[in-house]
N, C-alpha and C. Protein backbone atom coordinates (compact mmCIF):
# COMPACT_ATOMS: atom_id res chain seq x y z
N MET A 1 7.18 -1.74 -9.18
CA MET A 1 5.86 -2.14 -9.66
C MET A 1 5.88 -2.16 -11.18
N THR A 2 5.17 -3.11 -11.71
CA THR A 2 5.01 -3.13 -13.16
C THR A 2 3.69 -2.47 -13.53
N GLY A 3 3.55 -2.09 -14.78
CA GLY A 3 2.30 -1.49 -15.26
C GLY A 3 2.45 0.00 -15.47
N SER A 4 1.39 0.61 -16.03
CA SER A 4 1.41 2.04 -16.31
C SER A 4 1.36 2.83 -15.00
N THR A 5 1.74 4.09 -15.08
CA THR A 5 1.68 4.97 -13.91
C THR A 5 0.26 5.05 -13.37
N GLU A 6 -0.71 5.14 -14.27
CA GLU A 6 -2.12 5.20 -13.86
C GLU A 6 -2.54 3.92 -13.14
N ASP A 7 -2.13 2.75 -13.67
CA ASP A 7 -2.47 1.48 -13.04
C ASP A 7 -1.82 1.36 -11.66
N LYS A 8 -0.54 1.73 -11.56
CA LYS A 8 0.16 1.67 -10.27
C LYS A 8 -0.52 2.58 -9.25
N SER A 9 -0.88 3.78 -9.68
CA SER A 9 -1.56 4.72 -8.77
C SER A 9 -2.89 4.16 -8.29
N SER A 10 -3.61 3.48 -9.19
CA SER A 10 -4.92 2.94 -8.80
C SER A 10 -4.77 1.82 -7.78
N VAL A 11 -3.70 1.03 -7.89
CA VAL A 11 -3.44 -0.03 -6.89
C VAL A 11 -3.11 0.61 -5.54
N ILE A 12 -2.25 1.60 -5.53
CA ILE A 12 -1.89 2.29 -4.28
C ILE A 12 -3.13 2.93 -3.66
N ASN A 13 -3.96 3.54 -4.47
CA ASN A 13 -5.20 4.16 -3.95
C ASN A 13 -6.11 3.10 -3.32
N TRP A 14 -6.20 1.93 -3.93
CA TRP A 14 -7.00 0.85 -3.35
C TRP A 14 -6.43 0.47 -1.99
N LEU A 15 -5.11 0.29 -1.91
CA LEU A 15 -4.47 -0.08 -0.64
C LEU A 15 -4.69 0.99 0.42
N LYS A 16 -4.60 2.25 0.05
CA LYS A 16 -4.82 3.35 1.01
C LYS A 16 -6.26 3.33 1.52
N ALA A 17 -7.21 3.07 0.63
CA ALA A 17 -8.62 3.01 1.05
C ALA A 17 -8.85 1.85 2.01
N TRP A 18 -8.22 0.72 1.72
CA TRP A 18 -8.41 -0.43 2.60
C TRP A 18 -7.74 -0.22 3.96
N ALA A 19 -6.53 0.33 3.96
CA ALA A 19 -5.86 0.61 5.23
C ALA A 19 -6.70 1.57 6.08
N ALA A 20 -7.29 2.58 5.44
CA ALA A 20 -8.16 3.52 6.17
C ALA A 20 -9.38 2.80 6.74
N ALA A 21 -9.98 1.90 5.97
CA ALA A 21 -11.14 1.15 6.46
C ALA A 21 -10.77 0.33 7.69
N ILE A 22 -9.60 -0.29 7.66
CA ILE A 22 -9.15 -1.09 8.81
C ILE A 22 -8.94 -0.19 10.02
N ARG A 23 -8.21 0.92 9.83
CA ARG A 23 -7.96 1.84 10.95
C ARG A 23 -9.24 2.35 11.57
N GLU A 24 -10.23 2.63 10.73
CA GLU A 24 -11.50 3.19 11.20
C GLU A 24 -12.52 2.12 11.58
N ASN A 25 -12.11 0.84 11.47
CA ASN A 25 -13.01 -0.28 11.74
C ASN A 25 -14.32 -0.10 10.96
N ASP A 26 -14.17 0.28 9.70
CA ASP A 26 -15.31 0.55 8.83
C ASP A 26 -15.52 -0.65 7.90
N LEU A 27 -16.30 -1.61 8.38
CA LEU A 27 -16.54 -2.83 7.63
C LEU A 27 -17.23 -2.58 6.30
N ASP A 28 -18.14 -1.59 6.24
CA ASP A 28 -18.83 -1.29 4.99
C ASP A 28 -17.86 -0.75 3.94
N ALA A 29 -16.96 0.13 4.35
CA ALA A 29 -15.95 0.65 3.42
C ALA A 29 -15.05 -0.48 2.93
N GLY A 30 -14.66 -1.38 3.83
CA GLY A 30 -13.86 -2.52 3.44
C GLY A 30 -14.61 -3.42 2.48
N ARG A 31 -15.87 -3.69 2.78
CA ARG A 31 -16.71 -4.55 1.93
C ARG A 31 -16.76 -4.03 0.50
N SER A 32 -16.84 -2.72 0.32
CA SER A 32 -16.98 -2.15 -1.02
C SER A 32 -15.75 -2.39 -1.90
N LEU A 33 -14.64 -2.77 -1.30
CA LEU A 33 -13.39 -2.99 -2.03
C LEU A 33 -13.18 -4.43 -2.45
N PHE A 34 -14.09 -5.32 -2.05
CA PHE A 34 -13.90 -6.76 -2.24
C PHE A 34 -14.99 -7.38 -3.10
N ALA A 35 -14.63 -8.44 -3.81
CA ALA A 35 -15.59 -9.25 -4.55
C ALA A 35 -16.35 -10.14 -3.57
N GLU A 36 -17.59 -10.42 -3.86
CA GLU A 36 -18.40 -11.28 -2.98
C GLU A 36 -17.81 -12.68 -2.82
N ASP A 37 -17.14 -13.18 -3.86
CA ASP A 37 -16.59 -14.54 -3.82
C ASP A 37 -15.11 -14.58 -3.43
N VAL A 38 -14.65 -13.56 -2.71
CA VAL A 38 -13.26 -13.51 -2.26
C VAL A 38 -12.92 -14.75 -1.43
N SER A 39 -11.69 -15.18 -1.53
CA SER A 39 -11.17 -16.24 -0.64
C SER A 39 -10.01 -15.63 0.12
N GLY A 40 -9.71 -16.19 1.29
CA GLY A 40 -8.62 -15.61 2.05
C GLY A 40 -8.06 -16.52 3.11
N PHE A 41 -6.83 -16.22 3.45
CA PHE A 41 -6.15 -16.79 4.60
C PHE A 41 -5.84 -15.61 5.51
N GLY A 42 -6.03 -15.76 6.82
CA GLY A 42 -5.85 -14.62 7.70
C GLY A 42 -4.93 -14.92 8.86
N THR A 43 -4.76 -13.92 9.71
CA THR A 43 -3.91 -14.07 10.88
C THR A 43 -4.56 -14.94 11.95
N ILE A 44 -5.91 -15.08 11.88
CA ILE A 44 -6.58 -15.96 12.85
C ILE A 44 -7.50 -16.97 12.20
N THR A 45 -7.60 -16.98 10.89
CA THR A 45 -8.43 -17.96 10.19
C THR A 45 -7.55 -18.78 9.25
N LEU A 46 -7.84 -20.06 9.18
CA LEU A 46 -7.09 -20.90 8.26
C LEU A 46 -7.46 -20.59 6.83
N MET A 47 -8.77 -20.43 6.56
CA MET A 47 -9.24 -20.15 5.22
C MET A 47 -10.66 -19.62 5.30
N THR A 48 -10.98 -18.64 4.46
CA THR A 48 -12.35 -18.13 4.41
C THR A 48 -12.90 -18.33 3.01
N ASP A 49 -14.22 -18.38 2.93
CA ASP A 49 -14.90 -18.63 1.66
C ASP A 49 -16.01 -17.61 1.49
N GLY A 50 -15.75 -16.57 0.73
CA GLY A 50 -16.74 -15.53 0.50
C GLY A 50 -16.55 -14.35 1.43
N LEU A 51 -17.08 -13.22 1.00
CA LEU A 51 -16.89 -11.97 1.73
C LEU A 51 -17.54 -11.99 3.11
N ASP A 52 -18.73 -12.51 3.23
CA ASP A 52 -19.38 -12.55 4.54
C ASP A 52 -18.56 -13.37 5.54
N ASP A 53 -18.01 -14.48 5.08
CA ASP A 53 -17.18 -15.33 5.94
C ASP A 53 -15.90 -14.60 6.34
N LEU A 54 -15.27 -13.93 5.40
CA LEU A 54 -14.05 -13.17 5.69
C LEU A 54 -14.32 -12.08 6.73
N ILE A 55 -15.40 -11.37 6.54
CA ILE A 55 -15.74 -10.29 7.48
C ILE A 55 -16.06 -10.86 8.85
N GLU A 56 -16.89 -11.89 8.90
CA GLU A 56 -17.32 -12.44 10.20
C GLU A 56 -16.18 -13.08 10.98
N ARG A 57 -15.39 -13.90 10.33
CA ARG A 57 -14.39 -14.68 11.07
C ARG A 57 -13.02 -14.04 11.16
N GLN A 58 -12.73 -13.04 10.32
CA GLN A 58 -11.42 -12.39 10.38
C GLN A 58 -11.56 -10.91 10.75
N TRP A 59 -12.19 -10.14 9.90
CA TRP A 59 -12.22 -8.70 10.11
C TRP A 59 -12.85 -8.30 11.43
N THR A 60 -14.03 -8.80 11.76
CA THR A 60 -14.71 -8.34 12.98
C THR A 60 -13.94 -8.71 14.24
N ARG A 61 -13.17 -9.77 14.18
CA ARG A 61 -12.41 -10.21 15.35
C ARG A 61 -11.08 -9.47 15.48
N VAL A 62 -10.56 -8.95 14.38
CA VAL A 62 -9.24 -8.33 14.41
C VAL A 62 -9.33 -6.80 14.35
N TRP A 63 -10.09 -6.27 13.42
CA TRP A 63 -10.09 -4.83 13.22
C TRP A 63 -10.44 -4.05 14.48
N ALA A 64 -11.43 -4.50 15.23
CA ALA A 64 -11.85 -3.78 16.44
C ALA A 64 -10.81 -3.85 17.54
N ASN A 65 -9.85 -4.75 17.40
CA ASN A 65 -8.83 -4.93 18.43
C ASN A 65 -7.46 -4.41 18.02
N THR A 66 -7.41 -3.64 16.94
CA THR A 66 -6.13 -3.10 16.48
C THR A 66 -6.26 -1.60 16.23
N THR A 67 -5.15 -0.92 16.31
CA THR A 67 -5.08 0.51 15.99
C THR A 67 -3.86 0.74 15.11
N GLY A 68 -3.89 1.86 14.41
CA GLY A 68 -2.73 2.30 13.66
C GLY A 68 -2.35 1.47 12.46
N TYR A 69 -3.28 0.69 11.90
CA TYR A 69 -2.94 -0.19 10.79
C TYR A 69 -2.46 0.61 9.58
N ASP A 70 -1.36 0.15 8.99
CA ASP A 70 -0.91 0.74 7.73
C ASP A 70 0.08 -0.18 7.05
N PHE A 71 0.26 0.05 5.77
CA PHE A 71 1.25 -0.68 5.00
C PHE A 71 2.58 0.05 5.07
N ASP A 72 3.67 -0.68 4.90
CA ASP A 72 4.99 -0.09 4.76
C ASP A 72 5.12 0.29 3.28
N TRP A 73 4.81 1.53 2.98
CA TRP A 73 4.67 1.97 1.59
C TRP A 73 5.95 1.81 0.78
N ASP A 74 7.09 1.83 1.43
CA ASP A 74 8.36 1.63 0.71
C ASP A 74 8.56 0.18 0.30
N LYS A 75 7.80 -0.73 0.88
CA LYS A 75 7.96 -2.16 0.61
C LYS A 75 6.83 -2.75 -0.21
N VAL A 76 5.87 -1.95 -0.65
CA VAL A 76 4.77 -2.45 -1.46
C VAL A 76 5.26 -2.70 -2.88
N THR A 77 4.98 -3.90 -3.38
CA THR A 77 5.27 -4.21 -4.78
C THR A 77 4.00 -4.76 -5.42
N ALA A 78 3.89 -4.56 -6.72
CA ALA A 78 2.74 -5.10 -7.44
C ALA A 78 3.17 -5.46 -8.85
N ARG A 79 2.64 -6.56 -9.31
CA ARG A 79 2.85 -6.99 -10.69
C ARG A 79 1.49 -7.00 -11.36
N LEU A 80 1.36 -6.19 -12.40
CA LEU A 80 0.09 -6.12 -13.13
C LEU A 80 0.16 -6.97 -14.38
N SER A 81 -0.98 -7.56 -14.71
CA SER A 81 -1.07 -8.34 -15.94
C SER A 81 -0.89 -7.40 -17.14
N PRO A 82 -0.45 -7.93 -18.27
CA PRO A 82 -0.24 -7.07 -19.45
C PRO A 82 -1.48 -6.27 -19.86
N ASP A 83 -2.68 -6.82 -19.63
CA ASP A 83 -3.90 -6.09 -19.99
C ASP A 83 -4.37 -5.13 -18.90
N GLY A 84 -3.66 -5.10 -17.75
CA GLY A 84 -4.00 -4.18 -16.67
C GLY A 84 -5.26 -4.53 -15.91
N LEU A 85 -5.71 -5.80 -16.02
CA LEU A 85 -6.96 -6.19 -15.37
C LEU A 85 -6.76 -7.02 -14.10
N GLN A 86 -5.52 -7.35 -13.79
CA GLN A 86 -5.24 -8.09 -12.57
C GLN A 86 -3.93 -7.57 -11.97
N ALA A 87 -3.89 -7.50 -10.65
CA ALA A 87 -2.69 -7.07 -9.94
C ALA A 87 -2.42 -8.03 -8.79
N ALA A 88 -1.18 -8.46 -8.69
CA ALA A 88 -0.73 -9.27 -7.55
C ALA A 88 0.13 -8.36 -6.69
N VAL A 89 -0.32 -8.10 -5.47
CA VAL A 89 0.33 -7.15 -4.58
C VAL A 89 0.99 -7.89 -3.43
N GLN A 90 2.20 -7.46 -3.10
CA GLN A 90 2.92 -7.99 -1.95
C GLN A 90 3.25 -6.79 -1.07
N ALA A 91 2.94 -6.90 0.22
CA ALA A 91 3.13 -5.76 1.10
C ALA A 91 3.45 -6.20 2.52
N LEU A 92 4.19 -5.37 3.22
CA LEU A 92 4.39 -5.53 4.65
C LEU A 92 3.43 -4.57 5.34
N TRP A 93 2.98 -4.94 6.54
CA TRP A 93 2.02 -4.12 7.27
C TRP A 93 2.36 -4.13 8.76
N ALA A 94 1.77 -3.18 9.47
CA ALA A 94 1.96 -3.11 10.93
C ALA A 94 0.75 -2.45 11.57
N SER A 95 0.50 -2.83 12.80
CA SER A 95 -0.55 -2.22 13.62
C SER A 95 -0.22 -2.50 15.07
N THR A 96 -1.07 -2.02 15.96
CA THR A 96 -0.93 -2.30 17.38
C THR A 96 -2.15 -3.11 17.81
N GLY A 97 -1.90 -4.23 18.48
CA GLY A 97 -2.97 -5.07 18.99
C GLY A 97 -2.90 -5.16 20.50
N LYS A 98 -3.60 -6.11 21.05
CA LYS A 98 -3.62 -6.31 22.50
C LYS A 98 -2.95 -7.63 22.85
N ASP A 99 -2.22 -7.63 23.97
CA ASP A 99 -1.63 -8.87 24.44
C ASP A 99 -2.58 -9.55 25.42
N GLU A 100 -2.15 -10.66 26.02
CA GLU A 100 -3.03 -11.44 26.90
C GLU A 100 -3.54 -10.65 28.10
N SER A 101 -2.76 -9.65 28.56
CA SER A 101 -3.19 -8.86 29.72
C SER A 101 -3.96 -7.60 29.32
N GLY A 102 -4.18 -7.41 28.01
CA GLY A 102 -4.91 -6.23 27.54
C GLY A 102 -4.01 -5.07 27.19
N GLY A 103 -2.70 -5.25 27.35
CA GLY A 103 -1.76 -4.19 27.00
C GLY A 103 -1.48 -4.18 25.50
N ASP A 104 -0.86 -3.12 25.05
CA ASP A 104 -0.52 -2.99 23.64
C ASP A 104 0.64 -3.90 23.25
N ARG A 105 0.57 -4.39 22.03
CA ARG A 105 1.68 -5.16 21.47
C ARG A 105 1.71 -4.93 19.96
N ALA A 106 2.89 -5.03 19.39
CA ALA A 106 3.05 -4.86 17.96
C ALA A 106 2.45 -6.04 17.22
N ARG A 107 1.72 -5.75 16.15
CA ARG A 107 1.23 -6.76 15.20
C ARG A 107 1.85 -6.39 13.87
N GLU A 108 2.70 -7.24 13.37
CA GLU A 108 3.38 -6.95 12.11
C GLU A 108 3.37 -8.20 11.25
N GLY A 109 3.31 -8.00 9.95
CA GLY A 109 3.32 -9.15 9.07
C GLY A 109 3.42 -8.78 7.62
N ARG A 110 2.93 -9.72 6.80
CA ARG A 110 3.03 -9.56 5.35
C ARG A 110 1.72 -10.01 4.72
N ALA A 111 1.51 -9.52 3.51
CA ALA A 111 0.26 -9.83 2.82
C ALA A 111 0.50 -10.02 1.34
N THR A 112 -0.30 -10.89 0.77
CA THR A 112 -0.43 -11.03 -0.67
C THR A 112 -1.89 -10.72 -0.99
N ILE A 113 -2.11 -9.84 -1.95
CA ILE A 113 -3.45 -9.37 -2.28
C ILE A 113 -3.62 -9.47 -3.79
N ILE A 114 -4.69 -10.12 -4.24
CA ILE A 114 -4.97 -10.23 -5.67
C ILE A 114 -6.17 -9.35 -5.99
N LEU A 115 -5.97 -8.41 -6.90
CA LEU A 115 -7.02 -7.48 -7.32
C LEU A 115 -7.39 -7.76 -8.78
N THR A 116 -8.66 -7.60 -9.10
CA THR A 116 -9.12 -7.73 -10.48
C THR A 116 -10.11 -6.62 -10.81
N ARG A 117 -10.30 -6.41 -12.09
CA ARG A 117 -11.31 -5.48 -12.58
C ARG A 117 -11.72 -5.91 -13.98
N GLU A 118 -12.93 -5.53 -14.37
CA GLU A 118 -13.46 -5.94 -15.67
C GLU A 118 -12.78 -5.22 -16.83
N THR A 119 -12.61 -3.91 -16.69
CA THR A 119 -11.96 -3.11 -17.73
C THR A 119 -11.06 -2.08 -17.08
N LYS A 120 -10.07 -1.63 -17.83
CA LYS A 120 -9.19 -0.58 -17.31
C LYS A 120 -10.02 0.64 -16.95
N GLY A 121 -9.70 1.23 -15.83
CA GLY A 121 -10.45 2.38 -15.35
C GLY A 121 -11.52 2.00 -14.34
N ASP A 122 -11.94 0.73 -14.32
CA ASP A 122 -12.88 0.28 -13.30
C ASP A 122 -12.20 0.25 -11.94
N ASP A 123 -13.00 0.24 -10.89
CA ASP A 123 -12.46 0.07 -9.54
C ASP A 123 -11.95 -1.35 -9.38
N TRP A 124 -10.86 -1.49 -8.65
CA TRP A 124 -10.33 -2.81 -8.32
C TRP A 124 -11.25 -3.48 -7.31
N LYS A 125 -11.37 -4.79 -7.39
CA LYS A 125 -12.03 -5.61 -6.38
C LYS A 125 -11.06 -6.70 -5.97
N CYS A 126 -10.95 -6.92 -4.70
CA CYS A 126 -10.05 -7.95 -4.20
C CYS A 126 -10.73 -9.32 -4.28
N VAL A 127 -10.00 -10.30 -4.84
CA VAL A 127 -10.54 -11.65 -4.95
C VAL A 127 -9.80 -12.64 -4.06
N HIS A 128 -8.65 -12.22 -3.51
CA HIS A 128 -7.92 -13.11 -2.60
C HIS A 128 -6.96 -12.30 -1.73
N THR A 129 -6.92 -12.65 -0.45
CA THR A 129 -5.91 -12.10 0.46
C THR A 129 -5.26 -13.24 1.23
N HIS A 130 -4.00 -13.05 1.52
CA HIS A 130 -3.28 -13.99 2.38
C HIS A 130 -2.45 -13.13 3.33
N PHE A 131 -2.90 -13.09 4.57
CA PHE A 131 -2.21 -12.32 5.61
C PHE A 131 -1.56 -13.28 6.59
N SER A 132 -0.33 -12.97 6.96
CA SER A 132 0.33 -13.73 8.02
C SER A 132 1.16 -12.75 8.85
N MET A 133 1.31 -13.11 10.10
CA MET A 133 2.13 -12.31 10.99
C MET A 133 3.55 -12.85 10.94
N TRP A 134 4.48 -12.04 11.42
CA TRP A 134 5.86 -12.52 11.50
C TRP A 134 5.86 -13.83 12.27
N PRO A 135 6.71 -14.74 11.93
CA PRO A 135 6.78 -16.00 12.69
C PRO A 135 6.89 -15.74 14.19
N ASN A 136 6.20 -16.58 14.94
CA ASN A 136 6.19 -16.54 16.41
C ASN A 136 5.46 -15.34 16.99
N SER A 137 4.60 -14.67 16.20
CA SER A 137 3.86 -13.53 16.74
C SER A 137 2.38 -13.64 16.44
N ALA A 138 1.87 -14.83 16.25
CA ALA A 138 0.48 -15.04 15.88
C ALA A 138 -0.47 -14.52 16.95
N ASP A 139 -1.70 -14.24 16.55
CA ASP A 139 -2.74 -13.73 17.45
C ASP A 139 -3.37 -14.88 18.23
N ILE A 140 -2.60 -15.55 19.06
CA ILE A 140 -3.07 -16.71 19.81
C ILE A 140 -4.27 -16.33 20.68
N GLU A 141 -4.25 -15.17 21.29
CA GLU A 141 -5.31 -14.77 22.21
C GLU A 141 -6.65 -14.65 21.48
N LEU A 142 -6.67 -14.19 20.23
CA LEU A 142 -7.91 -14.03 19.50
C LEU A 142 -8.52 -15.36 19.07
N LEU A 143 -7.73 -16.43 19.10
CA LEU A 143 -8.22 -17.74 18.70
C LEU A 143 -9.08 -18.38 19.79
N LYS A 144 -8.99 -17.89 21.01
CA LYS A 144 -9.73 -18.49 22.12
C LYS A 144 -11.20 -18.18 22.04
């Protein structure tokens, strides 16, 4: 990771808070970490426009159907802007979802997350996410 130790820690803390929100299916906690005008690509959405859209069409359909969500902390990388006001995060993630018969199945993939803040020391807000599952493991069942 690039950036100061404090900046790197703040990015990791943001990721930990978001992973906890997903595991707990806590949409309000997740909402507090994002900008209202966030854009995103998801595992079941082609593109979202704004936080309400992201929550409605991606989070509510996926979070309630997964358990054990977490990032692979050894594989998280982040590049911070020289002024420390933007971070581009790349991470691998894993969780357990449901297959067509209702049984458990692995959900694994990768994410790109863009975080911004007004001044150093402010809380990060996410302005863009791009989540994809490993090739050939898409959430086909959730699209129905």
